[in-house]
Every structure is written in structure tokens, then in C-alpha cells.
Protein backbone atom coordinates (compact mmCIF):
# COMPACT_ATOMS: atom_id res chain seq x y z
CA MET A 1 3.59 42.50 23.63
CA ALA A 2 3.44 38.78 22.86
CA SER A 3 7.23 38.37 23.03
CA ARG A 4 7.30 40.16 26.39
CA PHE A 5 4.53 37.84 27.62
CA LEU A 6 6.49 34.75 26.56
CA THR A 7 9.69 36.11 28.12
CA PHE A 8 8.03 36.42 31.53
CA TYR A 9 6.27 33.09 31.34
CA PRO A 10 8.80 30.40 30.37
CA ARG A 11 6.37 27.61 31.26
CA ILE A 12 3.91 28.88 28.69
CA ARG A 13 6.71 29.23 26.12
CA GLY A 14 7.76 25.61 26.79
CA PHE A 15 4.17 24.45 26.51
CA LEU A 16 3.69 26.28 23.21
CA GLY A 17 6.90 24.75 21.83
CA LEU A 18 5.71 21.29 22.82
CA LEU A 19 2.31 21.96 21.25
CA VAL A 20 3.93 23.04 17.97
CA LEU A 21 6.13 19.91 17.98
CA LEU A 22 3.14 17.63 18.59
CA LEU A 23 1.17 19.28 15.80
CA ALA A 24 4.11 18.87 13.42
CA LEU A 25 4.52 15.19 14.32
CA SER A 26 0.82 14.52 13.83
CA THR A 27 1.09 15.52 10.16
CA VAL A 28 3.96 13.13 9.36
CA ALA A 29 2.83 10.13 7.35
CA VAL A 30 3.40 6.88 9.21
CA PRO A 31 2.98 3.42 7.69
CA ALA A 32 0.00 1.42 8.84
CA THR A 33 1.15 -0.92 11.59
CA HIS A 34 -2.20 -2.23 12.77
CA ALA A 35 -3.67 -3.11 9.38
CA GLU A 36 -5.76 -6.24 8.98
CA SER A 37 -3.60 -9.02 7.62
CA PHE A 38 -4.02 -12.56 6.36
CA ASP A 39 -2.39 -15.15 4.13
CA LEU A 40 -3.30 -15.64 0.49
CA THR A 41 -2.14 -18.06 -2.19
CA ILE A 42 -1.43 -17.51 -5.87
CA LYS A 43 -1.79 -20.65 -7.99
CA THR A 44 0.15 -20.81 -11.26
CA ASP A 45 0.02 -23.75 -13.67
CA SER A 46 2.49 -25.73 -11.61
CA VAL A 47 3.13 -24.05 -8.24
CA LYS A 48 1.41 -22.35 -5.32
CA HIS A 49 2.95 -19.21 -3.80
CA ASP A 50 1.93 -18.07 -0.31
CA PHE A 51 2.01 -14.44 0.80
CA SER A 52 1.26 -12.69 4.07
CA VAL A 53 -0.57 -9.49 3.15
CA GLU A 54 -1.82 -6.35 4.82
CA VAL A 55 -5.31 -5.41 3.67
CA MET A 56 -6.31 -1.83 2.87
CA ARG A 57 -10.11 -1.46 2.79
CA THR A 58 -10.72 2.24 3.40
CA ALA A 59 -10.02 5.08 0.95
CA GLU A 60 -7.55 6.59 3.42
CA ALA A 61 -5.66 3.31 3.88
CA ARG A 62 -5.60 2.66 0.12
CA ALA A 63 -4.27 6.20 -0.49
CA ARG A 64 -1.41 5.60 1.96
CA GLY A 65 -0.61 2.06 0.81
CA LEU A 66 3.11 1.31 0.85
CA MET A 67 4.19 4.95 0.83
CA TYR A 68 7.37 5.71 2.78
CA ARG A 69 8.30 2.06 3.27
CA LYS A 70 11.92 1.22 2.50
CA HIS A 71 11.60 -2.56 2.13
CA MET A 72 9.20 -5.50 2.11
CA LYS A 73 9.90 -9.20 2.55
CA ASN A 74 9.52 -11.32 -0.61
CA ASP A 75 6.70 -13.36 0.92
CA HIS A 76 4.74 -10.24 1.94
CA GLY A 77 2.47 -7.86 0.10
CA MET A 78 -0.33 -5.37 0.37
CA LEU A 79 -3.87 -6.07 -0.85
CA PHE A 80 -6.13 -3.20 -1.81
CA ASP A 81 -9.78 -4.23 -1.50
CA PHE A 82 -12.05 -1.76 -3.28
CA GLY A 83 -15.18 -3.47 -1.94
CA ARG A 84 -16.71 -3.54 -5.43
CA ASN A 85 -15.71 -3.99 -9.05
CA THR A 86 -13.98 -0.91 -10.44
CA THR A 87 -11.30 0.18 -12.86
CA ALA A 88 -8.36 0.41 -10.47
CA ARG A 89 -5.91 3.27 -10.90
CA MET A 90 -2.68 3.26 -8.91
CA TRP A 91 0.51 5.32 -8.74
CA MET A 92 3.87 5.23 -6.98
CA LYS A 93 4.02 8.68 -5.43
CA ASN A 94 6.11 8.58 -2.21
CA THR A 95 6.72 4.85 -2.68
CA TYR A 96 10.40 3.96 -2.30
CA ILE A 97 10.41 0.36 -3.57
CA SER A 98 9.63 -0.99 -7.01
CA LEU A 99 6.47 -3.10 -7.03
CA ASP A 100 4.53 -5.52 -9.18
CA MET A 101 0.84 -4.62 -9.11
CA LEU A 102 -1.45 -7.58 -9.70
CA PHE A 103 -4.94 -6.46 -10.74
CA ILE A 104 -7.38 -9.14 -9.55
CA ARG A 105 -11.02 -9.72 -10.50
CA ALA A 106 -13.64 -10.50 -7.85
CA ASP A 107 -13.40 -14.23 -8.68
CA GLY A 108 -9.65 -14.18 -7.86
CA THR A 109 -8.36 -14.30 -11.45
CA ILE A 110 -5.40 -12.04 -12.22
CA SER A 111 -6.50 -9.65 -14.97
CA ASN A 112 -3.13 -8.01 -15.67
CA ILE A 113 0.12 -7.08 -13.95
CA ALA A 114 2.04 -3.80 -13.92
CA GLU A 115 5.58 -5.10 -13.41
CA ASN A 116 8.61 -3.34 -11.95
CA THR A 117 6.88 -0.05 -11.27
CA VAL A 118 9.04 3.05 -10.96
CA PRO A 119 9.43 4.42 -7.41
CA HIS A 120 8.02 7.95 -6.89
CA SER A 121 6.35 7.98 -10.33
CA THR A 122 3.03 9.78 -10.67
CA ASP A 123 2.19 7.85 -13.85
CA VAL A 124 -1.17 6.16 -13.44
CA LEU A 125 -1.19 2.37 -13.73
CA SER A 126 -4.61 0.90 -14.49
CA SER A 127 -6.38 -2.40 -14.57
CA ARG A 128 -7.59 -3.75 -17.88
CA GLY A 129 -11.27 -3.84 -17.12
CA GLU A 130 -12.94 -3.93 -13.74
CA VAL A 131 -11.25 -5.58 -10.77
CA ARG A 132 -12.02 -5.93 -7.08
CA TYR A 133 -8.44 -6.07 -5.74
CA VAL A 134 -4.88 -4.98 -6.39
CA LEU A 135 -2.05 -6.95 -4.81
CA GLU A 136 1.33 -5.24 -4.51
CA ILE A 137 4.41 -7.41 -4.18
CA ASN A 138 8.11 -6.66 -4.68
CA GLY A 139 9.05 -5.57 -8.19
CA GLY A 140 10.21 -8.41 -10.45
CA LEU A 141 8.75 -11.11 -8.21
CA SER A 142 5.91 -11.99 -10.61
CA GLU A 143 8.35 -12.85 -13.38
CA LYS A 144 10.70 -14.68 -11.00
CA LEU A 145 7.85 -16.84 -9.65
CA GLY A 146 6.13 -17.31 -13.00
CA ILE A 147 2.96 -15.45 -11.96
CA GLY A 148 0.90 -14.06 -14.83
CA ALA A 149 -2.50 -13.00 -16.10
CA GLY A 150 -5.04 -15.79 -15.74
CA ASP A 151 -3.46 -17.22 -12.58
CA GLN A 152 -5.74 -17.65 -9.59
CA VAL A 153 -5.49 -15.86 -6.23
CA THR A 154 -7.14 -17.61 -3.28
CA LEU A 155 -8.42 -15.11 -0.75
CA PRO A 156 -10.11 -15.90 2.56
CA GLY A 157 -13.81 -16.12 1.89
CA ASN A 158 -13.37 -17.01 -1.82
């Protein structure tokens, strides 16, 4: 009966097809394009490095992170703000680019770094102790720039 109904009413059939397409598209993960962003600075012993970062403050935004992105400029990054001190646990599921994850305490000090993470890995990468933030930058960039544990990150408001 339903197929006969759709045969006689092509407009309804077209509408249903469009509805199914829209529903399918609404479930596709899309990178955040309207995320809050600002500049931050990482101070090493001898140099300052400036980055333009997108900030992820909600659980949903932090869960999405850099998933599905194919590239990121070397002076860009993504900052995960947990809003409180916590043991941060991250993974690389659906992430196409290798990253360095800088685990940052509330005072801006880098606690530890997970370097050259493996794309698509579901291994959990954790902070050593409680942190407020995690900054993701391109994999290998920390070593190249001489960024390490104990270096200071200057965030707006700190």
C-alpha cells in the first residue's frame, strides 16, 4: 500500500527523499568553525612562541576537538579548557593529524607533554596530576621549538 501511495504522489516521494538526506547530513560530524579563539604565548627559557588557538569549553566541543581535520597551521592550536582542575584524559579517535598535547596547570605551567600522538589511536593519554587545560599543536612542534615541561603558557586573563 505504501509503495502504491508513493507511486501516485511523486511530490511526497521527493519530499521524503529530501527529508532523509537532510537527516543523514545532520548526523555528519563537522569541525567547529565558530569556536571562540584567541592568541596565547608559550615562554621557554629563551624564546616566546605565539599561537592562535580555538577554545573548547563545553563537553561536546571538547569531545569533538580536532576530529576529522586534515591539517593545521604550525602557529595554530586547540585549547581545551576544563573549567576546573582535573586529571585530563585524551585520545586520538577520528583525528587525522599527529599532535603534541601540552597538559597545562591552572597557573599556566606545562605539566607534561604527550608528543607525536598516533592518529586514530584510542589509547588514553593522561596528564601527570591535575591540570586545567590541554593545548594541542602539530605533532613534533614541541621538540622543534624547544617547548617542555615547566615552560609557561600565557593565557588571556592569567
